[in-house]
N, C-alpha and C. Protein backbone atom coordinates (compact mmCIF):
# COMPACT_ATOMS: atom_id res chain seq x y z
N UNK A 1 119.85 -152.04 -129.87
CA UNK A 1 119.45 -151.02 -129.71
C UNK A 1 120.92 -150.19 -128.79
N UNK A 2 121.13 -149.63 -129.34
CA UNK A 2 122.18 -148.33 -128.89
C UNK A 2 122.42 -147.82 -127.98
N UNK A 3 123.64 -147.99 -126.69
CA UNK A 3 123.37 -148.01 -125.56
C UNK A 3 124.90 -147.59 -125.35
N UNK A 4 124.56 -146.50 -124.22
CA UNK A 4 125.71 -145.04 -123.93
C UNK A 4 125.77 -145.01 -122.53
N UNK A 5 127.11 -145.71 -122.50
CA UNK A 5 127.62 -145.44 -121.14
C UNK A 5 128.01 -144.89 -120.53
N UNK A 6 128.24 -144.19 -119.30
CA UNK A 6 128.44 -143.53 -118.29
C UNK A 6 128.99 -144.32 -116.51
N UNK A 7 130.51 -143.53 -116.30
CA UNK A 7 130.47 -144.15 -115.27
C UNK A 7 129.82 -143.49 -114.21
N UNK A 8 129.53 -142.24 -114.17
CA UNK A 8 128.41 -141.08 -113.45
C UNK A 8 127.96 -139.85 -113.83
N UNK A 9 126.30 -140.07 -113.24
CA UNK A 9 125.51 -138.94 -114.09
C UNK A 9 124.91 -138.78 -113.10
N UNK A 10 123.82 -137.66 -112.51
CA UNK A 10 123.36 -136.86 -111.50
C UNK A 10 122.03 -138.24 -111.95
N UNK A 11 121.65 -138.02 -113.15
CA UNK A 11 120.18 -139.10 -112.94
C UNK A 11 120.12 -139.51 -114.77
N UNK A 12 120.19 -140.44 -115.59
CA UNK A 12 119.75 -141.64 -115.83
C UNK A 12 119.15 -140.78 -116.96
N UNK A 13 117.26 -140.82 -116.13
CA UNK A 13 116.38 -140.41 -117.06
C UNK A 13 116.57 -138.36 -117.14
N UNK A 14 117.09 -137.89 -116.25
CA UNK A 14 117.10 -136.42 -116.83
C UNK A 14 117.80 -136.15 -118.08
N UNK A 15 118.83 -137.53 -118.16
CA UNK A 15 120.05 -137.33 -118.89
C UNK A 15 119.41 -137.50 -120.28
N UNK A 16 118.67 -138.79 -120.33
CA UNK A 16 118.35 -139.37 -121.39
C UNK A 16 117.44 -137.97 -122.24
N UNK A 17 116.40 -138.31 -121.02
CA UNK A 17 114.84 -136.80 -121.68
C UNK A 17 115.41 -136.30 -122.35
N UNK A 18 116.58 -135.30 -121.48
CA UNK A 18 117.27 -133.83 -122.12
C UNK A 18 117.82 -134.47 -123.43
N UNK A 19 118.65 -135.53 -123.76
CA UNK A 19 119.65 -135.84 -125.39
C UNK A 19 117.79 -136.37 -126.40
N UNK A 20 116.66 -136.51 -125.54
CA UNK A 20 115.80 -136.44 -126.44
C UNK A 20 115.36 -135.42 -127.31
N UNK A 21 114.98 -134.47 -126.17
CA UNK A 21 113.83 -133.58 -126.55
C UNK A 21 115.20 -132.23 -127.07
N UNK A 22 116.74 -133.04 -127.25
CA UNK A 22 117.29 -131.53 -128.13
C UNK A 22 117.67 -132.43 -129.36
N UNK A 23 117.30 -133.36 -129.60
CA UNK A 23 117.63 -134.10 -130.62
C UNK A 23 119.31 -135.32 -130.90
N UNK A 24 119.92 -135.46 -129.58
CA UNK A 24 121.46 -135.26 -129.65
C UNK A 24 121.18 -137.00 -129.51
N UNK A 25 120.14 -137.38 -128.95
CA UNK A 25 119.58 -139.39 -129.25
C UNK A 25 118.67 -139.40 -129.63
N UNK A 26 117.76 -140.75 -130.63
CA UNK A 26 116.78 -141.41 -130.68
C UNK A 26 116.08 -142.33 -130.50
N UNK A 27 115.46 -142.72 -130.21
CA UNK A 27 115.33 -143.83 -129.77
C UNK A 27 115.47 -144.86 -131.05
N UNK A 28 115.44 -146.40 -130.40
CA UNK A 28 115.93 -147.21 -129.52
C UNK A 28 117.27 -146.68 -128.62
N UNK A 29 117.28 -146.55 -127.48
CA UNK A 29 118.77 -146.33 -126.69
C UNK A 29 118.50 -145.81 -125.24
N UNK A 30 119.96 -146.98 -124.95
CA UNK A 30 119.23 -147.17 -123.40
C UNK A 30 120.91 -146.12 -122.53
N UNK A 31 120.47 -145.79 -121.92
CA UNK A 31 122.12 -145.06 -121.24
C UNK A 31 122.02 -145.37 -119.24
N UNK A 32 123.12 -145.69 -119.42
CA UNK A 32 123.78 -146.95 -117.90
C UNK A 32 124.80 -145.68 -117.38
N UNK A 33 124.66 -145.74 -116.31
CA UNK A 33 125.28 -145.09 -115.41
C UNK A 33 126.06 -145.89 -114.07
N UNK A 34 126.62 -146.25 -113.68
CA UNK A 34 127.92 -146.67 -112.78
C UNK A 34 127.31 -146.24 -111.30
N UNK A 35 127.16 -145.20 -111.67
CA UNK A 35 127.38 -144.25 -110.17
C UNK A 35 125.82 -143.24 -110.64
N UNK A 36 125.14 -142.40 -109.27
CA UNK A 36 124.38 -141.79 -109.98
C UNK A 36 124.17 -141.12 -108.25
N UNK A 37 123.81 -139.59 -108.72
CA UNK A 37 123.97 -138.74 -107.29
C UNK A 37 122.94 -138.00 -107.33
N UNK A 38 121.55 -138.79 -108.09
CA UNK A 38 120.50 -137.50 -108.45
C UNK A 38 119.25 -138.37 -108.89
N UNK A 39 119.12 -139.65 -109.03
CA UNK A 39 118.34 -140.51 -109.72
C UNK A 39 116.46 -139.86 -109.03
N UNK A 40 115.62 -140.82 -110.26
CA UNK A 40 114.66 -139.99 -110.12
C UNK A 40 113.63 -141.57 -109.25
N UNK A 41 113.36 -141.04 -108.01
CA UNK A 41 112.08 -142.15 -107.59
C UNK A 41 110.61 -141.84 -107.58
N UNK A 42 110.22 -142.94 -106.84
CA UNK A 42 108.94 -142.53 -106.82
C UNK A 42 108.21 -141.30 -105.81
N UNK A 43 107.25 -140.62 -106.00
CA UNK A 43 106.28 -139.60 -105.95
C UNK A 43 107.78 -138.54 -105.50
N UNK A 44 108.39 -138.23 -106.04
CA UNK A 44 109.82 -137.09 -106.29
C UNK A 44 110.51 -137.30 -105.77
N UNK A 45 110.89 -138.93 -104.68
CA UNK A 45 112.08 -138.66 -104.16
C UNK A 45 113.59 -139.12 -104.90
N UNK A 46 114.26 -139.16 -104.59
CA UNK A 46 115.88 -139.78 -105.11
C UNK A 46 115.79 -140.76 -105.24
N UNK A 47 116.62 -141.27 -106.07
CA UNK A 47 117.24 -142.56 -106.35
C UNK A 47 118.43 -142.72 -106.94
N UNK A 48 119.80 -142.41 -105.37
CA UNK A 48 120.58 -143.08 -105.86
C UNK A 48 121.72 -143.85 -105.02
N UNK A 49 122.72 -144.00 -105.62
CA UNK A 49 123.28 -144.93 -104.87
C UNK A 49 124.55 -144.92 -105.65
N UNK A 50 125.27 -145.59 -105.32
CA UNK A 50 126.90 -146.26 -105.39
C UNK A 50 127.35 -146.74 -106.34
N UNK A 51 128.07 -147.24 -106.78
CA UNK A 51 129.23 -148.53 -108.28
C UNK A 51 128.35 -149.85 -107.11
N UNK A 52 128.33 -150.59 -108.09
CA UNK A 52 127.84 -151.62 -108.14
C UNK A 52 126.66 -151.56 -108.33
N UNK A 53 125.47 -151.17 -108.32
CA UNK A 53 124.45 -150.91 -107.82
C UNK A 53 123.78 -150.11 -109.58
N UNK A 54 122.24 -150.85 -109.77
CA UNK A 54 121.74 -150.58 -111.48
C UNK A 54 121.18 -149.43 -111.57
N UNK A 55 121.93 -148.39 -112.41
CA UNK A 55 121.15 -147.35 -112.92
C UNK A 55 120.86 -147.15 -114.22
N UNK A 56 119.86 -147.10 -114.74
CA UNK A 56 119.44 -147.27 -115.86
C UNK A 56 118.34 -146.28 -116.75
N UNK A 57 117.97 -145.95 -117.79
CA UNK A 57 117.38 -145.70 -118.53
C UNK A 57 116.96 -145.65 -120.09
N UNK A 58 115.71 -146.47 -120.60
CA UNK A 58 115.59 -146.94 -121.85
C UNK A 58 114.63 -145.80 -122.77
N UNK A 59 114.57 -146.06 -122.96
CA UNK A 59 113.75 -145.15 -124.60
C UNK A 59 113.39 -145.77 -125.34
N UNK A 60 112.21 -145.67 -125.88
CA UNK A 60 111.16 -146.77 -126.94
C UNK A 60 109.91 -145.74 -128.05
N UNK A 61 109.84 -146.37 -129.04
CA UNK A 61 109.82 -145.21 -129.99
C UNK A 61 108.45 -146.04 -129.24
N UNK A 62 106.63 -145.32 -129.42
CA UNK A 62 105.45 -146.16 -128.79
C UNK A 62 104.61 -146.85 -129.68
N UNK A 63 104.89 -147.04 -131.42
CA UNK A 63 104.58 -147.57 -132.24
C UNK A 63 105.83 -149.08 -132.18
N UNK A 64 106.94 -149.10 -131.39
CA UNK A 64 107.87 -150.33 -131.36
C UNK A 64 107.38 -151.07 -129.85
N UNK A 65 106.13 -150.75 -129.02
CA UNK A 65 105.84 -151.17 -127.94
C UNK A 65 104.05 -151.93 -128.49
N UNK A 66 103.94 -153.49 -127.59
CA UNK A 66 102.74 -153.91 -128.09
C UNK A 66 101.43 -153.30 -128.70
N UNK A 67 100.96 -153.44 -129.46
CA UNK A 67 99.75 -152.93 -129.79
C UNK A 67 98.71 -153.45 -128.70
N UNK A 68 98.94 -153.79 -127.61
CA UNK A 68 97.86 -153.88 -126.73
C UNK A 68 98.65 -153.63 -125.10
N UNK A 69 99.19 -152.91 -125.23
CA UNK A 69 99.73 -152.91 -124.05
C UNK A 69 99.11 -151.21 -123.66
N UNK A 70 98.22 -151.03 -122.58
CA UNK A 70 97.73 -150.03 -122.07
C UNK A 70 99.05 -149.69 -121.32
N UNK A 71 99.11 -148.32 -122.34
CA UNK A 71 100.20 -146.99 -121.38
C UNK A 71 99.89 -146.70 -120.13
N UNK A 72 99.34 -146.65 -119.47
CA UNK A 72 99.31 -146.01 -117.85
C UNK A 72 99.53 -147.76 -117.12
N UNK A 73 99.92 -148.66 -117.58
CA UNK A 73 99.96 -150.36 -117.27
C UNK A 73 101.72 -150.40 -117.27
N UNK A 74 102.36 -148.92 -118.54
CA UNK A 74 103.68 -149.53 -118.95
C UNK A 74 104.69 -149.47 -118.25
N UNK A 75 104.39 -149.75 -116.24
CA UNK A 75 105.66 -149.90 -115.61
C UNK A 75 105.45 -150.19 -114.47
N UNK A 76 104.32 -151.94 -115.17
CA UNK A 76 104.04 -153.41 -114.94
C UNK A 76 104.33 -153.52 -116.04
N UNK A 77 104.44 -153.38 -116.78
CA UNK A 77 105.04 -154.30 -118.16
C UNK A 77 106.94 -153.96 -118.05
N UNK A 78 107.44 -153.05 -117.88
CA UNK A 78 108.64 -153.21 -118.51
C UNK A 78 109.51 -153.27 -116.51
N UNK A 79 108.73 -153.43 -115.29
CA UNK A 79 109.20 -154.40 -114.35
C UNK A 79 108.94 -155.12 -114.17
N UNK A 80 107.65 -155.81 -115.01
CA UNK A 80 108.08 -157.20 -115.12
C UNK A 80 108.91 -158.19 -115.89
N UNK A 81 109.37 -157.58 -117.12
CA UNK A 81 110.46 -157.84 -117.76
C UNK A 81 111.57 -157.92 -116.88
N UNK A 82 111.50 -156.79 -116.54
CA UNK A 82 113.10 -156.52 -115.54
C UNK A 82 113.19 -158.00 -114.32
N UNK A 83 112.34 -157.91 -114.28
CA UNK A 83 111.65 -159.18 -112.61
C UNK A 83 112.28 -160.57 -113.21
N UNK A 84 111.41 -160.42 -114.12
CA UNK A 84 111.72 -162.55 -115.16
C UNK A 84 113.39 -162.25 -115.34
N UNK A 85 114.03 -161.10 -115.81
CA UNK A 85 115.20 -161.27 -116.05
C UNK A 85 115.98 -161.37 -114.84
N UNK A 86 115.96 -160.95 -113.99
CA UNK A 86 116.68 -160.50 -112.81
C UNK A 86 116.60 -162.59 -112.39
N UNK A 87 114.50 -162.71 -112.89
CA UNK A 87 115.26 -164.70 -112.54
C UNK A 87 116.18 -165.53 -113.27
N UNK A 88 116.33 -164.64 -114.47
CA UNK A 88 116.36 -165.22 -115.53
C UNK A 88 118.57 -165.86 -114.93
N UNK A 89 119.28 -164.72 -113.81
CA UNK A 89 120.11 -164.52 -113.56
C UNK A 89 120.06 -165.12 -112.59
N UNK A 90 119.41 -165.56 -111.78
CA UNK A 90 119.65 -166.18 -110.52
C UNK A 90 118.37 -165.97 -109.05
N UNK A 91 118.01 -164.57 -109.69
CA UNK A 91 117.28 -163.85 -108.31
C UNK A 91 116.50 -164.14 -107.87
N UNK A 92 115.84 -164.34 -106.22
CA UNK A 92 114.04 -164.55 -106.10
C UNK A 92 113.73 -162.94 -106.26
N UNK A 93 112.96 -162.93 -107.37
CA UNK A 93 112.54 -160.74 -107.67
C UNK A 93 111.11 -161.48 -107.70
N UNK A 94 110.36 -160.83 -107.04
CA UNK A 94 108.37 -160.08 -107.26
C UNK A 94 108.36 -158.69 -107.60
N UNK A 95 107.27 -158.83 -107.97
CA UNK A 95 106.82 -157.33 -108.17
C UNK A 95 105.65 -156.57 -107.81
N UNK A 96 106.09 -156.25 -106.72
CA UNK A 96 104.37 -155.32 -105.83
C UNK A 96 104.17 -154.45 -106.87
N UNK A 97 103.23 -154.31 -106.82
CA UNK A 97 102.44 -153.52 -107.79
C UNK A 97 102.39 -152.00 -107.24
N UNK A 98 102.49 -151.32 -108.79
CA UNK A 98 102.90 -151.31 -109.49
C UNK A 98 104.00 -151.38 -110.50
N UNK A 99 105.83 -151.13 -109.43
CA UNK A 99 106.32 -150.63 -110.56
C UNK A 99 107.40 -150.98 -109.10
N UNK A 100 107.50 -151.77 -108.10
CA UNK A 100 108.52 -151.59 -107.33
C UNK A 100 109.20 -153.43 -107.11
N UNK A 101 110.68 -153.62 -107.46
CA UNK A 101 111.13 -155.37 -106.98
C UNK A 101 110.73 -155.33 -105.62
N UNK A 102 110.87 -156.57 -105.14
CA UNK A 102 111.01 -156.85 -103.76
C UNK A 102 111.40 -157.97 -104.21
N UNK A 103 112.86 -158.29 -102.95
CA UNK A 103 112.80 -159.44 -102.31
C UNK A 103 112.13 -159.70 -101.49
N UNK A 104 111.35 -161.23 -100.82
CA UNK A 104 111.06 -161.43 -99.88
C UNK A 104 110.27 -160.49 -99.35
N UNK A 105 110.48 -159.41 -98.54
CA UNK A 105 109.27 -158.50 -98.41
C UNK A 105 110.17 -157.05 -97.92
N UNK A 106 111.34 -157.00 -98.62
CA UNK A 106 112.24 -155.93 -99.09
C UNK A 106 112.63 -155.25 -100.42
N UNK A 107 112.06 -153.91 -100.77
CA UNK A 107 111.75 -153.10 -101.85
C UNK A 107 113.50 -152.95 -102.28
N UNK A 108 113.86 -153.72 -103.39
CA UNK A 108 115.21 -153.35 -103.74
C UNK A 108 115.76 -152.83 -104.98
N UNK A 109 114.41 -152.27 -105.40
CA UNK A 109 114.26 -151.42 -106.67
C UNK A 109 112.99 -150.94 -107.55
N UNK A 110 112.87 -149.94 -108.83
CA UNK A 110 111.98 -149.97 -108.66
C UNK A 110 111.88 -149.65 -110.20
N UNK A 111 110.99 -148.86 -111.27
CA UNK A 111 111.28 -147.91 -112.44
C UNK A 111 110.05 -147.42 -112.56
N UNK A 112 109.98 -146.13 -113.14
CA UNK A 112 109.27 -145.12 -113.53
C UNK A 112 109.68 -144.84 -114.82
N UNK A 113 108.09 -144.89 -115.05
CA UNK A 113 108.14 -144.04 -116.90
C UNK A 113 107.67 -143.02 -117.07
N UNK A 114 107.82 -142.53 -118.27
CA UNK A 114 107.45 -140.96 -118.37
C UNK A 114 107.32 -141.58 -120.20
N UNK A 115 106.04 -140.63 -120.64
CA UNK A 115 106.22 -140.14 -122.55
C UNK A 115 106.23 -138.86 -122.53
N UNK A 116 107.50 -139.12 -123.92
CA UNK A 116 108.38 -137.58 -123.95
C UNK A 116 107.67 -137.21 -125.40
N UNK A 117 106.46 -136.94 -126.15
CA UNK A 117 106.14 -136.81 -127.10
C UNK A 117 105.58 -138.26 -127.97
N UNK A 118 105.98 -138.94 -128.53
CA UNK A 118 105.37 -140.54 -128.96
C UNK A 118 106.65 -140.85 -129.31
N UNK A 119 107.11 -140.83 -127.09
CA UNK A 119 108.94 -141.89 -126.47
C UNK A 119 108.14 -142.24 -125.38
N UNK A 120 108.87 -143.16 -125.32
CA UNK A 120 108.12 -143.74 -123.47
C UNK A 120 110.09 -144.03 -122.74
N UNK A 121 110.50 -143.35 -122.06
CA UNK A 121 111.27 -143.54 -121.20
C UNK A 121 110.81 -144.39 -120.28
N UNK A 122 111.95 -145.04 -119.75
CA UNK A 122 111.64 -145.87 -118.61
C UNK A 122 112.54 -146.02 -118.19
N UNK A 123 112.98 -145.49 -116.71
CA UNK A 123 113.97 -145.60 -115.64
C UNK A 123 113.93 -146.47 -114.17
N UNK A 124 115.38 -147.19 -114.43
CA UNK A 124 115.28 -148.29 -113.33
C UNK A 124 116.11 -147.75 -112.35
N UNK A 125 116.09 -148.80 -111.18
CA UNK A 125 117.35 -148.46 -110.66
C UNK A 125 117.03 -149.31 -109.79
N UNK A 126 118.14 -150.68 -109.75
CA UNK A 126 118.09 -151.97 -108.15
C UNK A 126 119.40 -151.77 -107.75
N UNK A 127 119.28 -152.14 -106.37
CA UNK A 127 120.38 -151.83 -105.67
C UNK A 127 121.01 -153.31 -105.76
N UNK A 128 121.44 -153.57 -106.06
CA UNK A 128 122.48 -154.74 -106.28
C UNK A 128 123.53 -155.27 -105.47
N UNK A 129 123.83 -153.80 -104.81
CA UNK A 129 125.25 -154.37 -104.00
C UNK A 129 124.96 -153.83 -103.05
N UNK A 130 124.56 -152.41 -103.04
CA UNK A 130 124.80 -151.66 -102.04
C UNK A 130 123.45 -151.03 -101.22
N UNK A 131 123.08 -151.48 -100.07
CA UNK A 131 121.34 -150.72 -99.61
C UNK A 131 121.92 -149.19 -99.68
N UNK A 132 120.94 -149.06 -100.21
CA UNK A 132 121.07 -147.19 -100.15
C UNK A 132 119.22 -146.71 -100.27
N UNK A 133 118.95 -145.22 -100.15
CA UNK A 133 117.63 -144.93 -100.28
C UNK A 133 116.68 -145.21 -99.35
N UNK A 134 117.21 -146.30 -98.30
CA UNK A 134 117.03 -146.66 -97.08
C UNK A 134 115.80 -147.88 -96.96
N UNK A 135 116.58 -148.72 -98.96
CA UNK A 135 115.97 -149.97 -98.83
C UNK A 135 116.77 -151.39 -99.07
N UNK A 136 116.44 -152.49 -99.06
CA UNK A 136 118.12 -153.37 -98.81
C UNK A 136 118.37 -153.88 -100.57
N UNK A 137 119.69 -153.99 -100.05
CA UNK A 137 120.04 -154.70 -101.51
C UNK A 137 120.13 -156.22 -101.67
N UNK A 138 120.30 -156.27 -102.77
CA UNK A 138 119.64 -158.06 -103.62
C UNK A 138 121.80 -158.73 -103.01
N UNK A 139 122.62 -157.88 -102.40
CA UNK A 139 124.22 -158.35 -103.05
C UNK A 139 124.22 -159.76 -103.57
N UNK A 140 124.84 -158.85 -104.66
CA UNK A 140 124.45 -159.49 -105.86
C UNK A 140 125.38 -159.17 -106.36
N UNK A 141 126.27 -160.57 -107.10
CA UNK A 141 127.71 -159.88 -107.80
C UNK A 141 127.23 -159.96 -109.43
N UNK A 142 125.59 -159.53 -109.94
CA UNK A 142 125.47 -159.54 -110.89
C UNK A 142 125.70 -157.68 -111.54
N UNK A 143 126.72 -158.29 -112.75
CA UNK A 143 127.57 -157.15 -113.23
C UNK A 143 126.13 -156.23 -114.05
N UNK A 144 125.89 -155.05 -113.58
CA UNK A 144 124.90 -153.56 -114.36
C UNK A 144 125.01 -153.56 -115.45
N UNK A 145 125.82 -154.16 -116.00
CA UNK A 145 126.77 -154.08 -117.67
C UNK A 145 125.71 -154.75 -118.53
N UNK A 146 125.61 -156.13 -117.56
CA UNK A 146 125.16 -157.65 -118.00
C UNK A 146 123.76 -157.56 -118.61
N UNK A 147 123.19 -157.11 -116.29
CA UNK A 147 121.98 -157.36 -116.27
C UNK A 147 121.25 -156.67 -117.33
N UNK A 148 122.22 -155.08 -118.02
CA UNK A 148 120.90 -154.15 -119.16
C UNK A 148 121.45 -154.94 -120.04
N UNK A 149 122.23 -155.56 -121.04
CA UNK A 149 122.10 -155.91 -122.04
C UNK A 149 121.18 -157.29 -121.90
N UNK A 150 121.45 -158.16 -120.94
CA UNK A 150 119.71 -159.08 -121.12
C UNK A 150 118.37 -158.52 -120.86
N UNK A 151 118.14 -157.70 -120.14
CA UNK A 151 117.06 -157.07 -119.94
C UNK A 151 116.16 -156.08 -121.57
N UNK A 152 117.68 -155.80 -122.37
CA UNK A 152 117.15 -155.33 -123.18
C UNK A 152 116.26 -156.60 -124.56
N UNK A 153 118.21 -157.38 -123.86
CA UNK A 153 117.10 -158.68 -125.07
C UNK A 153 116.05 -159.63 -125.13
N UNK A 154 115.33 -159.43 -123.43
CA UNK A 154 114.01 -160.01 -123.27
C UNK A 154 113.26 -158.55 -123.36
N UNK A 155 113.32 -157.36 -123.35
CA UNK A 155 112.49 -156.88 -123.98
C UNK A 155 112.60 -156.06 -125.39
N UNK A 156 113.16 -156.72 -126.29
CA UNK A 156 113.28 -156.59 -127.74
C UNK A 156 112.33 -157.51 -127.96
N UNK A 157 111.85 -158.40 -127.64
CA UNK A 157 110.95 -159.34 -127.95
C UNK A 157 109.69 -159.33 -128.22
N UNK A 158 109.60 -157.98 -127.27
CA UNK A 158 108.32 -157.21 -126.85
C UNK A 158 107.10 -158.21 -126.90
N UNK A 159 107.31 -158.92 -125.76
CA UNK A 159 106.20 -160.41 -126.01
C UNK A 159 104.38 -159.03 -125.28
N UNK A 160 103.40 -160.17 -125.56
CA UNK A 160 102.75 -159.03 -125.79
C UNK A 160 102.55 -159.14 -124.21
N UNK A 161 101.21 -157.50 -123.38
CA UNK A 161 100.64 -157.72 -122.46
C UNK A 161 100.16 -158.28 -121.79
N UNK A 162 98.96 -158.37 -122.68
CA UNK A 162 98.50 -160.39 -122.25
C UNK A 162 98.82 -161.45 -122.00
N UNK A 163 100.28 -161.76 -122.69
CA UNK A 163 101.13 -162.60 -122.00
C UNK A 163 101.57 -162.39 -120.44
N UNK A 164 101.60 -160.89 -120.72
CA UNK A 164 102.47 -160.70 -119.57
C UNK A 164 101.61 -160.22 -118.33
N UNK A 165 100.57 -160.03 -118.51
CA UNK A 165 99.63 -159.82 -117.58
C UNK A 165 98.73 -161.19 -116.55
N UNK A 166 99.53 -161.80 -117.92
CA UNK A 166 98.68 -163.40 -117.26
C UNK A 166 99.29 -163.94 -116.26
N UNK A 167 100.66 -163.76 -116.50
CA UNK A 167 101.81 -163.99 -115.24
C UNK A 167 101.24 -162.91 -113.73
N UNK A 168 102.06 -161.76 -114.05
CA UNK A 168 101.54 -161.39 -113.53
C UNK A 168 100.85 -161.05 -112.67
N UNK A 169 99.01 -161.63 -112.81
CA UNK A 169 98.27 -161.58 -112.11
C UNK A 169 97.95 -162.64 -111.28
N UNK A 170 98.98 -163.57 -111.34
CA UNK A 170 99.09 -165.00 -110.56
C UNK A 170 100.29 -164.14 -108.96
N UNK A 171 101.03 -163.30 -109.26
CA UNK A 171 101.68 -162.83 -108.59
C UNK A 171 101.45 -161.28 -108.05
N UNK A 172 100.27 -160.96 -108.73
CA UNK A 172 99.81 -159.61 -107.72
C UNK A 172 99.54 -160.09 -106.10
N UNK A 173 99.28 -161.12 -105.78
CA UNK A 173 98.76 -162.41 -105.08
C UNK A 173 99.75 -161.61 -103.31
N UNK A 174 100.85 -161.54 -103.92
CA UNK A 174 101.59 -161.09 -103.24
C UNK A 174 101.67 -159.77 -102.50
N UNK A 175 101.12 -159.02 -103.37
CA UNK A 175 101.07 -157.37 -102.37
C UNK A 175 99.90 -157.22 -101.97
N UNK A 176 99.19 -158.20 -101.96
CA UNK A 176 97.27 -158.01 -100.76
C UNK A 176 98.21 -157.32 -99.36
N UNK A 177 99.39 -157.84 -99.44
CA UNK A 177 99.62 -158.15 -96.93
C UNK A 177 100.45 -155.58 -97.19
N UNK A 178 99.91 -155.56 -98.77
CA UNK A 178 100.68 -153.76 -98.88
C UNK A 178 100.51 -152.92 -98.70
N UNK A 179 100.64 -151.92 -99.20
CA UNK A 179 99.83 -150.63 -99.35
C UNK A 179 100.54 -149.75 -100.07
N UNK A 180 99.60 -148.89 -101.58
CA UNK A 180 100.43 -148.21 -101.76
C UNK A 180 99.83 -146.89 -101.63
N UNK A 181 100.74 -145.45 -101.79
CA UNK A 181 100.42 -144.72 -101.63
C UNK A 181 99.11 -144.21 -102.76
N UNK A 182 98.64 -143.09 -102.94
CA UNK A 182 96.81 -143.22 -103.83
C UNK A 182 96.75 -141.03 -103.58
N UNK A 183 97.51 -140.59 -103.72
CA UNK A 183 96.72 -139.37 -104.13
C UNK A 183 97.43 -138.95 -103.06
N UNK A 184 98.37 -138.73 -102.04
CA UNK A 184 99.01 -138.68 -101.14
C UNK A 184 98.65 -139.41 -99.91
N UNK A 185 97.40 -140.87 -100.41
CA UNK A 185 97.25 -141.23 -98.67
C UNK A 185 97.32 -143.03 -99.06
N UNK A 186 97.58 -143.87 -98.31
CA UNK A 186 98.28 -144.47 -98.03
C UNK A 186 96.51 -145.93 -98.22
N UNK A 187 96.71 -146.49 -99.29
CA UNK A 187 95.63 -147.36 -99.77
C UNK A 187 96.02 -148.92 -99.29
N UNK A 188 95.83 -149.69 -98.17
CA UNK A 188 96.05 -151.52 -98.43
C UNK A 188 95.20 -152.73 -99.79
N UNK A 189 96.72 -152.68 -100.24
CA UNK A 189 95.86 -154.09 -101.14
C UNK A 189 95.15 -155.35 -100.78
N UNK A 190 94.41 -155.50 -99.82
CA UNK A 190 94.53 -156.46 -99.37
C UNK A 190 93.05 -156.91 -100.12
N UNK A 191 92.01 -156.00 -100.62
CA UNK A 191 90.77 -156.24 -100.68
C UNK A 191 90.78 -155.51 -102.90
N UNK A 192 92.07 -155.32 -102.69
CA UNK A 192 92.24 -154.79 -103.51
C UNK A 192 92.18 -156.29 -104.96
N UNK A 193 91.04 -155.61 -106.52
CA UNK A 193 90.86 -156.20 -107.40
C UNK A 193 91.76 -155.36 -108.54
N UNK A 194 92.20 -156.23 -109.53
CA UNK A 194 93.50 -156.43 -110.78
C UNK A 194 92.40 -156.92 -111.93
N UNK A 195 92.56 -155.17 -112.96
CA UNK A 195 92.13 -155.11 -114.03
C UNK A 195 91.70 -155.58 -115.00
N UNK A 196 92.00 -156.41 -116.35
CA UNK A 196 93.27 -156.52 -117.15
C UNK A 196 93.71 -155.32 -118.16
N UNK A 197 93.54 -154.58 -117.75
CA UNK A 197 94.50 -152.86 -118.28
C UNK A 197 95.30 -152.82 -117.07
N UNK A 198 95.28 -153.57 -115.63
CA UNK A 198 97.01 -153.67 -115.23
C UNK A 198 96.09 -152.10 -114.37
N UNK A 199 95.12 -151.67 -114.54
CA UNK A 199 94.85 -150.44 -112.87
C UNK A 199 93.91 -151.93 -111.75
N UNK A 200 93.59 -150.58 -110.59
CA UNK A 200 93.18 -151.26 -109.27
C UNK A 200 91.81 -150.87 -108.98
N UNK A 201 90.93 -151.88 -108.73
CA UNK A 201 89.86 -150.85 -108.07
C UNK A 201 90.04 -151.28 -106.48
N UNK A 202 90.10 -149.95 -106.20
CA UNK A 202 90.08 -149.92 -104.52
C UNK A 202 88.78 -149.14 -104.24
N UNK A 203 88.51 -149.29 -102.68
CA UNK A 203 87.25 -148.82 -102.57
C UNK A 203 86.70 -148.08 -103.42
N UNK A 204 86.27 -149.74 -104.05
CA UNK A 204 85.18 -148.78 -105.16
C UNK A 204 85.50 -147.83 -106.45
N UNK A 205 86.86 -147.19 -106.31
CA UNK A 205 87.49 -146.66 -107.21
C UNK A 205 88.56 -146.88 -107.96
N UNK A 206 88.63 -146.23 -109.32
CA UNK A 206 89.69 -147.64 -110.38
C UNK A 206 91.21 -146.42 -110.25
N UNK A 207 92.00 -147.03 -110.42
CA UNK A 207 93.45 -146.59 -109.60
C UNK A 207 94.28 -146.76 -111.16
N UNK A 208 95.01 -146.29 -111.70
CA UNK A 208 96.05 -146.32 -112.37
C UNK A 208 96.96 -146.12 -111.64
N UNK A 209 98.32 -146.96 -112.80
CA UNK A 209 99.73 -146.92 -111.81
C UNK A 209 100.41 -145.83 -111.95
N UNK A 210 100.47 -145.04 -113.00
CA UNK A 210 100.93 -143.15 -113.50
C UNK A 210 101.78 -143.07 -113.23
N UNK A 211 102.83 -144.10 -113.59
CA UNK A 211 104.19 -143.93 -113.28
C UNK A 211 105.11 -144.36 -114.03
C-alpha cells in the first residue's frame, strides 16, 4: 500500500478525500501526519493534536474488503484491527461500541469511516503521547510511522467480518457501563443487544454505527 507522509495537515481525512476526488491518489493508499490542526472527530467534533500522537487516514476499494463485511459496521472492523495492533505493541486497549478506543475507562482514540463512491475512507486518531481533545493519552513510546505500518500489515490480511465479530462480541460486554449518542440523545448500553451485523437493539430499536 502506498503511504504519504506529512509533517502537518489540517486533516488527513479531508486531504485524502479531496485527493481521491481529484484523482491525485487512488486506493489502496494511506496518509499519515505527525501533527493535525483540524481533524474530524465524532459528531462533527474536531480531533487535533500535537506531535507524537497518531493521525492517519486510509482508503481501500470496496472490492478489496471482505465480502461478508456489513459496511454499516466498517468502523467496528477497522477499529478492532487497530485495537489488536496496539495490543501487539504492548498496549492494553479495548473497543467501545462502535468506534472508540479506550484504556480502562478513558477514551484515547477512535475512527471515522466514510464511503466515497466505491472507496471506503477510514480516519484514525489516537492520543499516543499527549492528552488532547479532552481525552487521555496512552503515554506510549510507540512511533506513529511504526504503528501505521503494523496496522496496514494486519489490515491487508483482511480477516473476515465473522472472525472479527466473534472476538468483538466478547469484548462488547465492557461497553455496557457506558452510553452512546443516538440522534442527539444519550442511550445506555446496559441492556443493548449486539446483532451479528454489528448493529444494536436499544429499547426495541435497531441502531447502526454509521460512523
